[in-house]
């Protein structure tokens, strides 16, 4: 069993930065690929970034490439999303997720989800 808790969301001006963190409570954390998804009001949940179990492979959606960086520290049971050059269209609730099917861009691959943290980018 894996429990995920996100933190680090908040309000930021366009062009600013935020660092989201995801803390996992389960000892099986290192066996899972991890990902970040986001959901804006009235929109479907969207893939943002993912990282495999060892941290050696990452995926990003095109809209965040060059701006966001996903990382993980298995020893500390944490996953992070560094978000730079934020845009108003990045405004959403961001969710941390864990997959037992390997690194994936698809929601169906993820078994565990955090409660979400709000990111609001003003312009």
PDB file of N, CA and C in Angstrom:
ATOM      1  N   UNK A   1       0.830  -1.178   0.000  1.00  0.00           N
ATOM      2  CA  UNK A   1       0.000   0.000   0.000  1.00  0.00           C
ATOM      3  C   UNK A   1       0.876   1.244   0.000  1.00  0.00           C
ATOM      4  N   UNK A   2       0.483   2.215  -0.814  1.00  0.00           N
ATOM      5  CA  UNK A   2       1.202   3.470  -0.923  1.00  0.00           C
ATOM      6  C   UNK A   2       0.227   4.615  -0.679  1.00  0.00           C
ATOM      7  N   UNK A   3       0.603   5.525   0.203  1.00  0.00           N
ATOM      8  CA  UNK A   3      -0.170   6.732   0.448  1.00  0.00           C
ATOM      9  C   UNK A   3       0.665   7.934   0.026  1.00  0.00           C
ATOM     10  N   UNK A   4       0.045   8.845  -0.700  1.00  0.00           N
ATOM     11  CA  UNK A   4       0.740   9.981  -1.279  1.00  0.00           C
ATOM     12  C   UNK A   4       0.129  11.285  -0.784  1.00  0.00           C
ATOM     13  N   UNK A   5       0.979  12.239  -0.443  1.00  0.00           N
ATOM     14  CA  UNK A   5       0.541  13.547   0.012  1.00  0.00           C
ATOM     15  C   UNK A   5       1.344  14.616  -0.706  1.00  0.00           C
ATOM     16  N   UNK A   6       0.652  15.493  -1.436  1.00  0.00           N
ATOM     17  CA  UNK A   6       1.308  16.575  -2.153  1.00  0.00           C
ATOM     18  C   UNK A   6       1.402  17.825  -1.276  1.00  0.00           C
ATOM     19  N   UNK A   7       2.394  18.650  -1.576  1.00  0.00           N
ATOM     20  CA  UNK A   7       2.544  19.934  -0.914  1.00  0.00           C
ATOM     21  C   UNK A   7       3.307  20.877  -1.838  1.00  0.00           C
ATOM     22  N   UNK A   8       3.302  22.154  -1.507  1.00  0.00           N
ATOM     23  CA  UNK A   8       4.074  23.133  -2.250  1.00  0.00           C
ATOM     24  C   UNK A   8       3.283  23.999  -3.198  1.00  0.00           C
ATOM     25  N   UNK A   9       2.000  23.734  -3.338  1.00  0.00           N
ATOM     26  CA  UNK A   9       1.183  24.565  -4.202  1.00  0.00           C
ATOM     27  C   UNK A   9       0.966  25.938  -3.606  1.00  0.00           C
ATOM     28  N   UNK A  10       0.456  26.840  -4.423  1.00  0.00           N
ATOM     29  CA  UNK A  10       0.199  28.187  -3.962  1.00  0.00           C
ATOM     30  C   UNK A  10      -0.066  29.131  -5.106  1.00  0.00           C
ATOM     31  N   UNK A  11      -0.002  30.422  -4.804  1.00  0.00           N
ATOM     32  CA  UNK A  11      -0.220  31.478  -5.786  1.00  0.00           C
ATOM     33  C   UNK A  11       1.118  32.054  -6.214  1.00  0.00           C
ATOM     34  N   UNK A  12       1.281  32.239  -7.508  1.00  0.00           N
ATOM     35  CA  UNK A  12       2.518  32.788  -8.045  1.00  0.00           C
ATOM     36  C   UNK A  12       2.198  33.611  -9.285  1.00  0.00           C
ATOM     37  N   UNK A  13       2.994  34.629  -9.548  1.00  0.00           N
ATOM     38  CA  UNK A  13       2.818  35.432 -10.739  1.00  0.00           C
ATOM     39  C   UNK A  13       3.413  34.735 -11.953  1.00  0.00           C
ATOM     40  N   UNK A  14       2.887  35.052 -13.116  1.00  0.00           N
ATOM     41  CA  UNK A  14       3.423  34.492 -14.352  1.00  0.00           C
ATOM     42  C   UNK A  14       4.923  34.741 -14.440  1.00  0.00           C
ATOM     43  N   UNK A  15       5.643  33.709 -14.843  1.00  0.00           N
ATOM     44  CA  UNK A  15       7.092  33.783 -14.912  1.00  0.00           C
ATOM     45  C   UNK A  15       7.792  33.310 -13.663  1.00  0.00           C
ATOM     46  N   UNK A  16       7.044  33.103 -12.598  1.00  0.00           N
ATOM     47  CA  UNK A  16       7.614  32.655 -11.347  1.00  0.00           C
ATOM     48  C   UNK A  16       7.790  31.151 -11.291  1.00  0.00           C
ATOM     49  N   UNK A  17       8.188  30.676 -10.116  1.00  0.00           N
ATOM     50  CA  UNK A  17       8.490  29.260  -9.925  1.00  0.00           C
ATOM     51  C   UNK A  17       7.830  28.715  -8.676  1.00  0.00           C
ATOM     52  N   UNK A  18       7.537  27.428  -8.712  1.00  0.00           N
ATOM     53  CA  UNK A  18       7.069  26.679  -7.562  1.00  0.00           C
ATOM     54  C   UNK A  18       7.709  25.307  -7.588  1.00  0.00           C
ATOM     55  N   UNK A  19       7.852  24.713  -6.423  1.00  0.00           N
ATOM     56  CA  UNK A  19       8.362  23.355  -6.314  1.00  0.00           C
ATOM     57  C   UNK A  19       7.343  22.519  -5.550  1.00  0.00           C
ATOM     58  N   UNK A  20       6.748  21.563  -6.240  1.00  0.00           N
ATOM     59  CA  UNK A  20       5.803  20.654  -5.622  1.00  0.00           C
ATOM     60  C   UNK A  20       6.534  19.429  -5.091  1.00  0.00           C
ATOM     61  N   UNK A  21       6.067  18.931  -3.962  1.00  0.00           N
ATOM     62  CA  UNK A  21       6.635  17.728  -3.382  1.00  0.00           C
ATOM     63  C   UNK A  21       5.533  16.710  -3.141  1.00  0.00           C
ATOM     64  N   UNK A  22       5.911  15.453  -3.192  1.00  0.00           N
ATOM     65  CA  UNK A  22       4.995  14.353  -2.933  1.00  0.00           C
ATOM     66  C   UNK A  22       5.689  13.396  -1.979  1.00  0.00           C
ATOM     67  N   UNK A  23       5.098  13.210  -0.812  1.00  0.00           N
ATOM     68  CA  UNK A  23       5.646  12.313   0.192  1.00  0.00           C
ATOM     69  C   UNK A  23       4.881  10.999   0.181  1.00  0.00           C
ATOM     70  N   UNK A  24       5.602   9.900   0.114  1.00  0.00           N
ATOM     71  CA  UNK A  24       5.010   8.571   0.107  1.00  0.00           C
ATOM     72  C   UNK A  24       5.273   7.880   1.428  1.00  0.00           C
ATOM     73  N   UNK A  25       4.251   7.223   1.955  1.00  0.00           N
ATOM     74  CA  UNK A  25       4.377   6.570   3.252  1.00  0.00           C
ATOM     75  C   UNK A  25       4.748   5.097   3.166  1.00  0.00           C
ATOM     76  N   UNK A  26       4.506   4.458   2.028  1.00  0.00           N
ATOM     77  CA  UNK A  26       4.743   3.038   1.889  1.00  0.00           C
ATOM     78  C   UNK A  26       6.207   2.696   1.652  1.00  0.00           C
ATOM     79  N   UNK A  27       6.619   1.567   2.193  1.00  0.00           N
ATOM     80  CA  UNK A  27       7.989   1.104   1.981  1.00  0.00           C
ATOM     81  C   UNK A  27       8.210   0.580   0.572  1.00  0.00           C
ATOM     82  N   UNK A  28       7.130   0.395  -0.190  1.00  0.00           N
ATOM     83  CA  UNK A  28       7.218  -0.095  -1.556  1.00  0.00           C
ATOM     84  C   UNK A  28       7.390   1.019  -2.571  1.00  0.00           C
ATOM     85  N   UNK A  29       7.639   2.229  -2.116  1.00  0.00           N
ATOM     86  CA  UNK A  29       7.768   3.382  -2.995  1.00  0.00           C
ATOM     87  C   UNK A  29       8.735   3.143  -4.145  1.00  0.00           C
ATOM     88  N   UNK A  30       9.863   2.523  -3.886  1.00  0.00           N
ATOM     89  CA  UNK A  30      10.885   2.332  -4.908  1.00  0.00           C
ATOM     90  C   UNK A  30      10.466   1.367  -6.004  1.00  0.00           C
ATOM     91  N   UNK A  31       9.394   0.618  -5.810  1.00  0.00           N
ATOM     92  CA  UNK A  31       8.915  -0.319  -6.813  1.00  0.00           C
ATOM     93  C   UNK A  31       7.963   0.308  -7.825  1.00  0.00           C
ATOM     94  N   UNK A  32       7.643   1.580  -7.663  1.00  0.00           N
ATOM     95  CA  UNK A  32       6.641   2.240  -8.484  1.00  0.00           C
ATOM     96  C   UNK A  32       7.243   3.354  -9.315  1.00  0.00           C
ATOM     97  N   UNK A  33       6.754   3.450 -10.554  1.00  0.00           N
ATOM     98  CA  UNK A  33       6.953   4.668 -11.310  1.00  0.00           C
ATOM     99  C   UNK A  33       6.041   5.748 -10.725  1.00  0.00           C
ATOM    100  N   UNK A  34       6.438   7.000 -10.881  1.00  0.00           N
ATOM    101  CA  UNK A  34       5.686   8.107 -10.312  1.00  0.00           C
ATOM    102  C   UNK A  34       5.328   9.103 -11.404  1.00  0.00           C
ATOM    103  N   UNK A  35       4.246   9.826 -11.173  1.00  0.00           N
ATOM    104  CA  UNK A  35       3.834  10.814 -12.147  1.00  0.00           C
ATOM    105  C   UNK A  35       3.111  11.983 -11.515  1.00  0.00           C
ATOM    106  N   UNK A  36       2.997  13.038 -12.300  1.00  0.00           N
ATOM    107  CA  UNK A  36       2.205  14.209 -11.932  1.00  0.00           C
ATOM    108  C   UNK A  36       1.152  14.450 -13.002  1.00  0.00           C
ATOM    109  N   UNK A  37      -0.069  14.677 -12.561  1.00  0.00           N
ATOM    110  CA  UNK A  37      -1.175  15.059 -13.418  1.00  0.00           C
ATOM    111  C   UNK A  37      -1.763  16.356 -12.886  1.00  0.00           C
ATOM    112  N   UNK A  38      -2.513  17.036 -13.726  1.00  0.00           N
ATOM    113  CA  UNK A  38      -3.166  18.259 -13.277  1.00  0.00           C
ATOM    114  C   UNK A  38      -4.567  18.336 -13.871  1.00  0.00           C
ATOM    115  N   UNK A  39      -5.434  19.038 -13.159  1.00  0.00           N
ATOM    116  CA  UNK A  39      -6.817  19.179 -13.593  1.00  0.00           C
ATOM    117  C   UNK A  39      -7.304  20.592 -13.293  1.00  0.00           C
ATOM    118  N   UNK A  40      -7.663  21.304 -14.336  1.00  0.00           N
ATOM    119  CA  UNK A  40      -8.233  22.635 -14.207  1.00  0.00           C
ATOM    120  C   UNK A  40      -9.750  22.528 -14.166  1.00  0.00           C
ATOM    121  N   UNK A  41     -10.430  23.516 -13.581  1.00  0.00           N
ATOM    122  CA  UNK A  41     -11.896  23.475 -13.529  1.00  0.00           C
ATOM    123  C   UNK A  41     -12.510  23.305 -14.907  1.00  0.00           C
ATOM    124  N   UNK A  42     -13.425  22.352 -15.026  1.00  0.00           N
ATOM    125  CA  UNK A  42     -14.106  22.111 -16.278  1.00  0.00           C
ATOM    126  C   UNK A  42     -13.315  21.327 -17.300  1.00  0.00           C
ATOM    127  N   UNK A  43     -12.117  20.875 -16.953  1.00  0.00           N
ATOM    128  CA  UNK A  43     -11.283  20.130 -17.880  1.00  0.00           C
ATOM    129  C   UNK A  43     -10.957  18.751 -17.322  1.00  0.00           C
ATOM    130  N   UNK A  44     -10.551  17.862 -18.218  1.00  0.00           N
ATOM    131  CA  UNK A  44     -10.153  16.526 -17.810  1.00  0.00           C
ATOM    132  C   UNK A  44      -8.752  16.550 -17.203  1.00  0.00           C
ATOM    133  N   UNK A  45      -8.470  15.531 -16.419  1.00  0.00           N
ATOM    134  CA  UNK A  45      -7.148  15.399 -15.835  1.00  0.00           C
ATOM    135  C   UNK A  45      -6.107  15.189 -16.939  1.00  0.00           C
ATOM    136  N   UNK A  46      -5.014  15.921 -16.864  1.00  0.00           N
ATOM    137  CA  UNK A  46      -4.008  15.961 -17.905  1.00  0.00           C
ATOM    138  C   UNK A  46      -2.661  15.472 -17.388  1.00  0.00           C
ATOM    139  N   UNK A  47      -1.997  14.660 -18.179  1.00  0.00           N
ATOM    140  CA  UNK A  47      -0.651  14.216 -17.844  1.00  0.00           C
ATOM    141  C   UNK A  47       0.322  15.382 -17.884  1.00  0.00           C
ATOM    142  N   UNK A  48       1.243  15.423 -16.921  1.00  0.00           N
ATOM    143  CA  UNK A  48       2.242  16.474 -16.859  1.00  0.00           C
ATOM    144  C   UNK A  48       3.648  15.898 -16.993  1.00  0.00           C
ATOM    145  N   UNK A  49       4.010  14.963 -16.110  1.00  0.00           N
ATOM    146  CA  UNK A  49       5.360  14.420 -16.097  1.00  0.00           C
ATOM    147  C   UNK A  49       5.358  13.075 -15.399  1.00  0.00           C
ATOM    148  N   UNK A  50       6.361  12.247 -15.701  1.00  0.00           N
ATOM    149  CA  UNK A  50       6.492  10.949 -15.057  1.00  0.00           C
ATOM    150  C   UNK A  50       7.956  10.577 -14.949  1.00  0.00           C
ATOM    151  N   UNK A  51       8.261   9.687 -14.015  1.00  0.00           N
ATOM    152  CA  UNK A  51       9.623   9.232 -13.785  1.00  0.00           C
ATOM    153  C   UNK A  51       9.587   7.760 -13.415  1.00  0.00           C
ATOM    154  N   UNK A  52      10.529   6.977 -13.952  1.00  0.00           N
ATOM    155  CA  UNK A  52      10.513   5.552 -13.674  1.00  0.00           C
ATOM    156  C   UNK A  52      11.056   5.257 -12.282  1.00  0.00           C
ATOM    157  N   UNK A  53      11.042   3.984 -11.923  1.00  0.00           N
ATOM    158  CA  UNK A  53      11.350   3.611 -10.538  1.00  0.00           C
ATOM    159  C   UNK A  53      12.753   4.005 -10.103  1.00  0.00           C
ATOM    160  N   UNK A  54      13.707   3.970 -11.019  1.00  0.00           N
ATOM    161  CA  UNK A  54      15.088   4.279 -10.678  1.00  0.00           C
ATOM    162  C   UNK A  54      15.428   5.755 -10.848  1.00  0.00           C
ATOM    163  N   UNK A  55      14.555   6.494 -11.529  1.00  0.00           N
ATOM    164  CA  UNK A  55      14.819   7.894 -11.813  1.00  0.00           C
ATOM    165  C   UNK A  55      15.596   8.135 -13.086  1.00  0.00           C
ATOM    166  N   UNK A  56      15.891   7.076 -13.843  1.00  0.00           N
ATOM    167  CA  UNK A  56      16.705   7.215 -15.031  1.00  0.00           C
ATOM    168  C   UNK A  56      15.959   7.614 -16.290  1.00  0.00           C
ATOM    169  N   UNK A  57      14.643   7.554 -16.264  1.00  0.00           N
ATOM    170  CA  UNK A  57      13.832   7.891 -17.428  1.00  0.00           C
ATOM    171  C   UNK A  57      12.724   8.838 -17.013  1.00  0.00           C
ATOM    172  N   UNK A  58      12.507   9.881 -17.802  1.00  0.00           N
ATOM    173  CA  UNK A  58      11.434  10.839 -17.533  1.00  0.00           C
ATOM    174  C   UNK A  58      10.629  11.110 -18.792  1.00  0.00           C
ATOM    175  N   UNK A  59       9.349  11.398 -18.608  1.00  0.00           N
ATOM    176  CA  UNK A  59       8.447  11.825 -19.670  1.00  0.00           C
ATOM    177  C   UNK A  59       7.864  13.173 -19.287  1.00  0.00           C
ATOM    178  N   UNK A  60       7.598  14.001 -20.283  1.00  0.00           N
ATOM    179  CA  UNK A  60       6.934  15.275 -20.073  1.00  0.00           C
ATOM    180  C   UNK A  60       5.927  15.524 -21.181  1.00  0.00           C
ATOM    181  N   UNK A  61       4.829  16.151 -20.829  1.00  0.00           N
ATOM    182  CA  UNK A  61       3.935  16.623 -21.862  1.00  0.00           C
ATOM    183  C   UNK A  61       4.578  17.821 -22.550  1.00  0.00           C
ATOM    184  N   UNK A  62       4.266  18.011 -23.827  1.00  0.00           N
ATOM    185  CA  UNK A  62       4.958  19.017 -24.626  1.00  0.00           C
ATOM    186  C   UNK A  62       4.863  20.419 -24.033  1.00  0.00           C
ATOM    187  N   UNK A  63       3.754  20.748 -23.429  1.00  0.00           N
ATOM    188  CA  UNK A  63       3.529  22.100 -22.958  1.00  0.00           C
ATOM    189  C   UNK A  63       4.422  22.504 -21.782  1.00  0.00           C
ATOM    190  N   UNK A  64       5.056  21.536 -21.115  1.00  0.00           N
ATOM    191  CA  UNK A  64       5.890  21.858 -19.962  1.00  0.00           C
ATOM    192  C   UNK A  64       7.362  21.554 -20.193  1.00  0.00           C
ATOM    193  N   UNK A  65       7.716  20.989 -21.331  1.00  0.00           N
ATOM    194  CA  UNK A  65       9.111  20.670 -21.612  1.00  0.00           C
ATOM    195  C   UNK A  65       9.969  21.927 -21.574  1.00  0.00           C
ATOM    196  N   UNK A  66      11.093  21.814 -20.899  1.00  0.00           N
ATOM    197  CA  UNK A  66      11.983  22.950 -20.757  1.00  0.00           C
ATOM    198  C   UNK A  66      11.649  23.851 -19.598  1.00  0.00           C
ATOM    199  N   UNK A  67      10.481  23.664 -18.984  1.00  0.00           N
ATOM    200  CA  UNK A  67      10.060  24.493 -17.857  1.00  0.00           C
ATOM    201  C   UNK A  67       9.937  23.700 -16.564  1.00  0.00           C
ATOM    202  N   UNK A  68       9.464  22.460 -16.658  1.00  0.00           N
ATOM    203  CA  UNK A  68       9.250  21.614 -15.484  1.00  0.00           C
ATOM    204  C   UNK A  68      10.304  20.516 -15.443  1.00  0.00           C
ATOM    205  N   UNK A  69      10.675  20.122 -14.231  1.00  0.00           N
ATOM    206  CA  UNK A  69      11.609  19.024 -14.032  1.00  0.00           C
ATOM    207  C   UNK A  69      11.088  18.113 -12.937  1.00  0.00           C
ATOM    208  N   UNK A  70      10.948  16.827 -13.244  1.00  0.00           N
ATOM    209  CA  UNK A  70      10.516  15.848 -12.261  1.00  0.00           C
ATOM    210  C   UNK A  70      11.739  15.122 -11.717  1.00  0.00           C
ATOM    211  N   UNK A  71      11.714  14.817 -10.436  1.00  0.00           N
ATOM    212  CA  UNK A  71      12.809  14.096  -9.804  1.00  0.00           C
ATOM    213  C   UNK A  71      12.262  13.257  -8.657  1.00  0.00           C
ATOM    214  N   UNK A  72      13.081  12.348  -8.166  1.00  0.00           N
ATOM    215  CA  UNK A  72      12.674  11.534  -7.023  1.00  0.00           C
ATOM    216  C   UNK A  72      13.890  11.180  -6.186  1.00  0.00           C
ATOM    217  N   UNK A  73      13.637  10.947  -4.913  1.00  0.00           N
ATOM    218  CA  UNK A  73      14.653  10.491  -3.984  1.00  0.00           C
ATOM    219  C   UNK A  73      14.062   9.304  -3.256  1.00  0.00           C
ATOM    220  N   UNK A  74      14.422   8.115  -3.701  1.00  0.00           N
ATOM    221  CA  UNK A  74      13.830   6.908  -3.131  1.00  0.00           C
ATOM    222  C   UNK A  74      14.207   6.708  -1.666  1.00  0.00           C
ATOM    223  N   UNK A  75      15.395   7.154  -1.294  1.00  0.00           N
ATOM    224  CA  UNK A  75      15.811   7.032   0.092  1.00  0.00           C
ATOM    225  C   UNK A  75      14.963   7.857   1.037  1.00  0.00           C
ATOM    226  N   UNK A  76      14.437   8.976   0.550  1.00  0.00           N
ATOM    227  CA  UNK A  76      13.590   9.855   1.351  1.00  0.00           C
ATOM    228  C   UNK A  76      12.110   9.673   1.056  1.00  0.00           C
ATOM    229  N   UNK A  77      11.777   8.774   0.141  1.00  0.00           N
ATOM    230  CA  UNK A  77      10.388   8.514  -0.237  1.00  0.00           C
ATOM    231  C   UNK A  77       9.674   9.784  -0.692  1.00  0.00           C
ATOM    232  N   UNK A  78      10.344  10.538  -1.545  1.00  0.00           N
ATOM    233  CA  UNK A  78       9.764  11.777  -2.040  1.00  0.00           C
ATOM    234  C   UNK A  78       9.897  11.885  -3.554  1.00  0.00           C
ATOM    235  N   UNK A  79       8.984  12.606  -4.145  1.00  0.00           N
ATOM    236  CA  UNK A  79       8.984  12.953  -5.547  1.00  0.00           C
ATOM    237  C   UNK A  79       8.750  14.451  -5.637  1.00  0.00           C
ATOM    238  N   UNK A  80       9.418  15.106  -6.595  1.00  0.00           N
ATOM    239  CA  UNK A  80       9.311  16.549  -6.711  1.00  0.00           C
ATOM    240  C   UNK A  80       9.035  16.963  -8.149  1.00  0.00           C
ATOM    241  N   UNK A  81       8.383  18.101  -8.279  1.00  0.00           N
ATOM    242  CA  UNK A  81       8.165  18.719  -9.584  1.00  0.00           C
ATOM    243  C   UNK A  81       8.570  20.175  -9.470  1.00  0.00           C
ATOM    244  N   UNK A  82       9.704  20.512 -10.069  1.00  0.00           N
ATOM    245  CA  UNK A  82      10.156  21.888 -10.115  1.00  0.00           C
ATOM    246  C   UNK A  82       9.520  22.558 -11.314  1.00  0.00           C
ATOM    247  N   UNK A  83       8.788  23.634 -11.082  1.00  0.00           N
ATOM    248  CA  UNK A  83       8.048  24.322 -12.127  1.00  0.00           C
ATOM    249  C   UNK A  83       8.593  25.740 -12.263  1.00  0.00           C
ATOM    250  N   UNK A  84       9.187  26.025 -13.405  1.00  0.00           N
ATOM    251  CA  UNK A  84       9.732  27.342 -13.692  1.00  0.00           C
ATOM    252  C   UNK A  84       8.966  27.992 -14.834  1.00  0.00           C
ATOM    253  N   UNK A  85       9.130  29.298 -14.973  1.00  0.00           N
ATOM    254  CA  UNK A  85       8.483  30.052 -16.049  1.00  0.00           C
ATOM    255  C   UNK A  85       6.998  29.737 -16.129  1.00  0.00           C
ATOM    256  N   UNK A  86       6.339  29.793 -15.006  1.00  0.00           N
ATOM    257  CA  UNK A  86       4.936  29.414 -14.942  1.00  0.00           C
ATOM    258  C   UNK A  86       4.056  30.361 -15.742  1.00  0.00           C
ATOM    259  N   UNK A  87       3.012  29.788 -16.325  1.00  0.00           N
ATOM    260  CA  UNK A  87       2.058  30.517 -17.146  1.00  0.00           C
ATOM    261  C   UNK A  87       0.669  30.393 -16.540  1.00  0.00           C
ATOM    262  N   UNK A  88      -0.225  31.338 -16.820  1.00  0.00           N
ATOM    263  CA  UNK A  88      -1.594  31.217 -16.309  1.00  0.00           C
ATOM    264  C   UNK A  88      -2.265  29.900 -16.681  1.00  0.00           C
ATOM    265  N   UNK A  89      -1.955  29.363 -17.843  1.00  0.00           N
ATOM    266  CA  UNK A  89      -2.543  28.101 -18.260  1.00  0.00           C
ATOM    267  C   UNK A  89      -2.037  26.899 -17.471  1.00  0.00           C
ATOM    268  N   UNK A  90      -1.035  27.099 -16.615  1.00  0.00           N
ATOM    269  CA  UNK A  90      -0.590  26.048 -15.713  1.00  0.00           C
ATOM    270  C   UNK A  90      -1.471  25.940 -14.476  1.00  0.00           C
ATOM    271  N   UNK A  91      -2.384  26.872 -14.302  1.00  0.00           N
ATOM    272  CA  UNK A  91      -3.267  26.870 -13.142  1.00  0.00           C
ATOM    273  C   UNK A  91      -4.119  25.609 -13.125  1.00  0.00           C
ATOM    274  N   UNK A  92      -4.059  24.872 -12.029  1.00  0.00           N
ATOM    275  CA  UNK A  92      -4.783  23.612 -11.903  1.00  0.00           C
ATOM    276  C   UNK A  92      -4.525  23.026 -10.530  1.00  0.00           C
ATOM    277  N   UNK A  93      -5.271  21.983 -10.212  1.00  0.00           N
ATOM    278  CA  UNK A  93      -4.933  21.142  -9.077  1.00  0.00           C
ATOM    279  C   UNK A  93      -3.962  20.087  -9.572  1.00  0.00           C
ATOM    280  N   UNK A  94      -2.828  19.961  -8.919  1.00  0.00           N
ATOM    281  CA  UNK A  94      -1.797  19.015  -9.319  1.00  0.00           C
ATOM    282  C   UNK A  94      -1.839  17.789  -8.420  1.00  0.00           C
ATOM    283  N   UNK A  95      -1.834  16.617  -9.051  1.00  0.00           N
ATOM    284  CA  UNK A  95      -1.934  15.349  -8.343  1.00  0.00           C
ATOM    285  C   UNK A  95      -0.680  14.514  -8.527  1.00  0.00           C
ATOM    286  N   UNK A  96      -0.198  13.968  -7.447  1.00  0.00           N
ATOM    287  CA  UNK A  96       0.868  12.987  -7.463  1.00  0.00           C
ATOM    288  C   UNK A  96       0.253  11.603  -7.628  1.00  0.00           C
ATOM    289  N   UNK A  97       0.896  10.740  -8.411  1.00  0.00           N
ATOM    290  CA  UNK A  97       0.371   9.403  -8.659  1.00  0.00           C
ATOM    291  C   UNK A  97       1.496   8.383  -8.713  1.00  0.00           C
ATOM    292  N   UNK A  98       1.159   7.139  -8.403  1.00  0.00           N
ATOM    293  CA  UNK A  98       2.113   6.030  -8.423  1.00  0.00           C
ATOM    294  C   UNK A  98       1.581   4.914  -9.307  1.00  0.00           C
ATOM    295  N   UNK A  99       2.473   4.333 -10.110  1.00  0.00           N
ATOM    296  CA  UNK A  99       2.118   3.285 -11.058  1.00  0.00           C
ATOM    297  C   UNK A  99       2.926   2.030 -10.794  1.00  0.00           C
ATOM    298  N   UNK A 100       2.252   0.886 -10.836  1.00  0.00           N
ATOM    299  CA  UNK A 100       2.953  -0.394 -10.740  1.00  0.00           C
ATOM    300  C   UNK A 100       3.128  -1.046 -12.100  1.00  0.00           C
ATOM    301  N   UNK A 101       2.888  -0.295 -13.170  1.00  0.00           N
ATOM    302  CA  UNK A 101       3.003  -0.788 -14.540  1.00  0.00           C
ATOM    303  C   UNK A 101       4.160  -0.149 -15.287  1.00  0.00           C
ATOM    304  N   UNK A 102       5.019   0.531 -14.581  1.00  0.00           N
ATOM    305  CA  UNK A 102       6.135   1.207 -15.216  1.00  0.00           C
ATOM    306  C   UNK A 102       5.770   2.622 -15.613  1.00  0.00           C
ATOM    307  N   UNK A 103       6.743   3.360 -16.075  1.00  0.00           N
ATOM    308  CA  UNK A 103       6.535   4.756 -16.444  1.00  0.00           C
ATOM    309  C   UNK A 103       5.489   4.855 -17.546  1.00  0.00           C
ATOM    310  N   UNK A 104       4.589   5.813 -17.414  1.00  0.00           N
ATOM    311  CA  UNK A 104       3.469   5.914 -18.331  1.00  0.00           C
ATOM    312  C   UNK A 104       2.936   7.332 -18.387  1.00  0.00           C
ATOM    313  N   UNK A 105       2.353   7.683 -19.539  1.00  0.00           N
ATOM    314  CA  UNK A 105       1.655   8.953 -19.723  1.00  0.00           C
ATOM    315  C   UNK A 105       0.157   8.815 -19.498  1.00  0.00           C
ATOM    316  N   UNK A 106      -0.313   7.621 -19.186  1.00  0.00           N
ATOM    317  CA  UNK A 106      -1.738   7.348 -19.165  1.00  0.00           C
ATOM    318  C   UNK A 106      -2.279   7.192 -17.752  1.00  0.00           C
ATOM    319  N   UNK A 107      -3.422   7.795 -17.495  1.00  0.00           N
ATOM    320  CA  UNK A 107      -4.042   7.757 -16.181  1.00  0.00           C
ATOM    321  C   UNK A 107      -4.333   6.345 -15.708  1.00  0.00           C
ATOM    322  N   UNK A 108      -4.692   5.469 -16.647  1.00  0.00           N
ATOM    323  CA  UNK A 108      -5.088   4.121 -16.290  1.00  0.00           C
ATOM    324  C   UNK A 108      -3.952   3.309 -15.688  1.00  0.00           C
ATOM    325  N   UNK A 109      -2.719   3.728 -15.889  1.00  0.00           N
ATOM    326  CA  UNK A 109      -1.568   3.002 -15.368  1.00  0.00           C
ATOM    327  C   UNK A 109      -1.316   3.280 -13.894  1.00  0.00           C
ATOM    328  N   UNK A 110      -1.958   4.288 -13.357  1.00  0.00           N
ATOM    329  CA  UNK A 110      -1.670   4.735 -11.997  1.00  0.00           C
ATOM    330  C   UNK A 110      -2.699   4.222 -11.012  1.00  0.00           C
ATOM    331  N   UNK A 111      -2.207   3.600  -9.971  1.00  0.00           N
ATOM    332  CA  UNK A 111      -3.049   2.956  -8.974  1.00  0.00           C
ATOM    333  C   UNK A 111      -3.339   3.856  -7.781  1.00  0.00           C
ATOM    334  N   UNK A 112      -2.357   4.630  -7.363  1.00  0.00           N
ATOM    335  CA  UNK A 112      -2.475   5.452  -6.172  1.00  0.00           C
ATOM    336  C   UNK A 112      -2.394   6.930  -6.529  1.00  0.00           C
ATOM    337  N   UNK A 113      -3.198   7.715  -5.831  1.00  0.00           N
ATOM    338  CA  UNK A 113      -3.287   9.150  -6.091  1.00  0.00           C
ATOM    339  C   UNK A 113      -3.279   9.933  -4.796  1.00  0.00           C
ATOM    340  N   UNK A 114      -2.616  11.080  -4.821  1.00  0.00           N
ATOM    341  CA  UNK A 114      -2.673  11.990  -3.704  1.00  0.00           C
ATOM    342  C   UNK A 114      -3.936  12.821  -3.740  1.00  0.00           C
ATOM    343  N   UNK A 115      -4.089  13.688  -2.758  1.00  0.00           N
ATOM    344  CA  UNK A 115      -5.299  14.500  -2.634  1.00  0.00           C
ATOM    345  C   UNK A 115      -5.288  15.734  -3.521  1.00  0.00           C
ATOM    346  N   UNK A 116      -4.136  16.099  -4.037  1.00  0.00           N
ATOM    347  CA  UNK A 116      -4.007  17.249  -4.901  1.00  0.00           C
ATOM    348  C   UNK A 116      -3.568  18.500  -4.165  1.00  0.00           C
ATOM    349  N   UNK A 117      -2.871  19.376  -4.871  1.00  0.00           N
ATOM    350  CA  UNK A 117      -2.468  20.669  -4.337  1.00  0.00           C
ATOM    351  C   UNK A 117      -2.717  21.732  -5.400  1.00  0.00           C
ATOM    352  N   UNK A 118      -3.282  22.855  -4.992  1.00  0.00           N
ATOM    353  CA  UNK A 118      -3.683  23.895  -5.927  1.00  0.00           C
ATOM    354  C   UNK A 118      -2.502  24.752  -6.338  1.00  0.00           C
ATOM    355  N   UNK A 119      -2.361  24.958  -7.636  1.00  0.00           N
ATOM    356  CA  UNK A 119      -1.392  25.889  -8.200  1.00  0.00           C
ATOM    357  C   UNK A 119      -2.162  26.939  -8.982  1.00  0.00           C
ATOM    358  N   UNK A 120      -1.971  28.201  -8.622  1.00  0.00           N
ATOM    359  CA  UNK A 120      -2.637  29.299  -9.302  1.00  0.00           C
ATOM    360  C   UNK A 120      -1.590  30.284  -9.792  1.00  0.00           C
ATOM    361  N   UNK A 121      -1.606  30.547 -11.089  1.00  0.00           N
ATOM    362  CA  UNK A 121      -0.651  31.458 -11.712  1.00  0.00           C
ATOM    363  C   UNK A 121      -1.415  32.674 -12.217  1.00  0.00           C
ATOM    364  N   UNK A 122      -1.082  33.832 -11.706  1.00  0.00           N
ATOM    365  CA  UNK A 122      -1.750  35.063 -12.081  1.00  0.00           C
ATOM    366  C   UNK A 122      -1.006  35.769 -13.199  1.00  0.00           C
ATOM    367  N   UNK A 123      -1.711  36.646 -13.907  1.00  0.00           N
ATOM    368  CA  UNK A 123      -1.121  37.397 -15.003  1.00  0.00           C
ATOM    369  C   UNK A 123      -1.456  38.863 -14.900  1.00  0.00           C
TER     370      UNK A 123
END
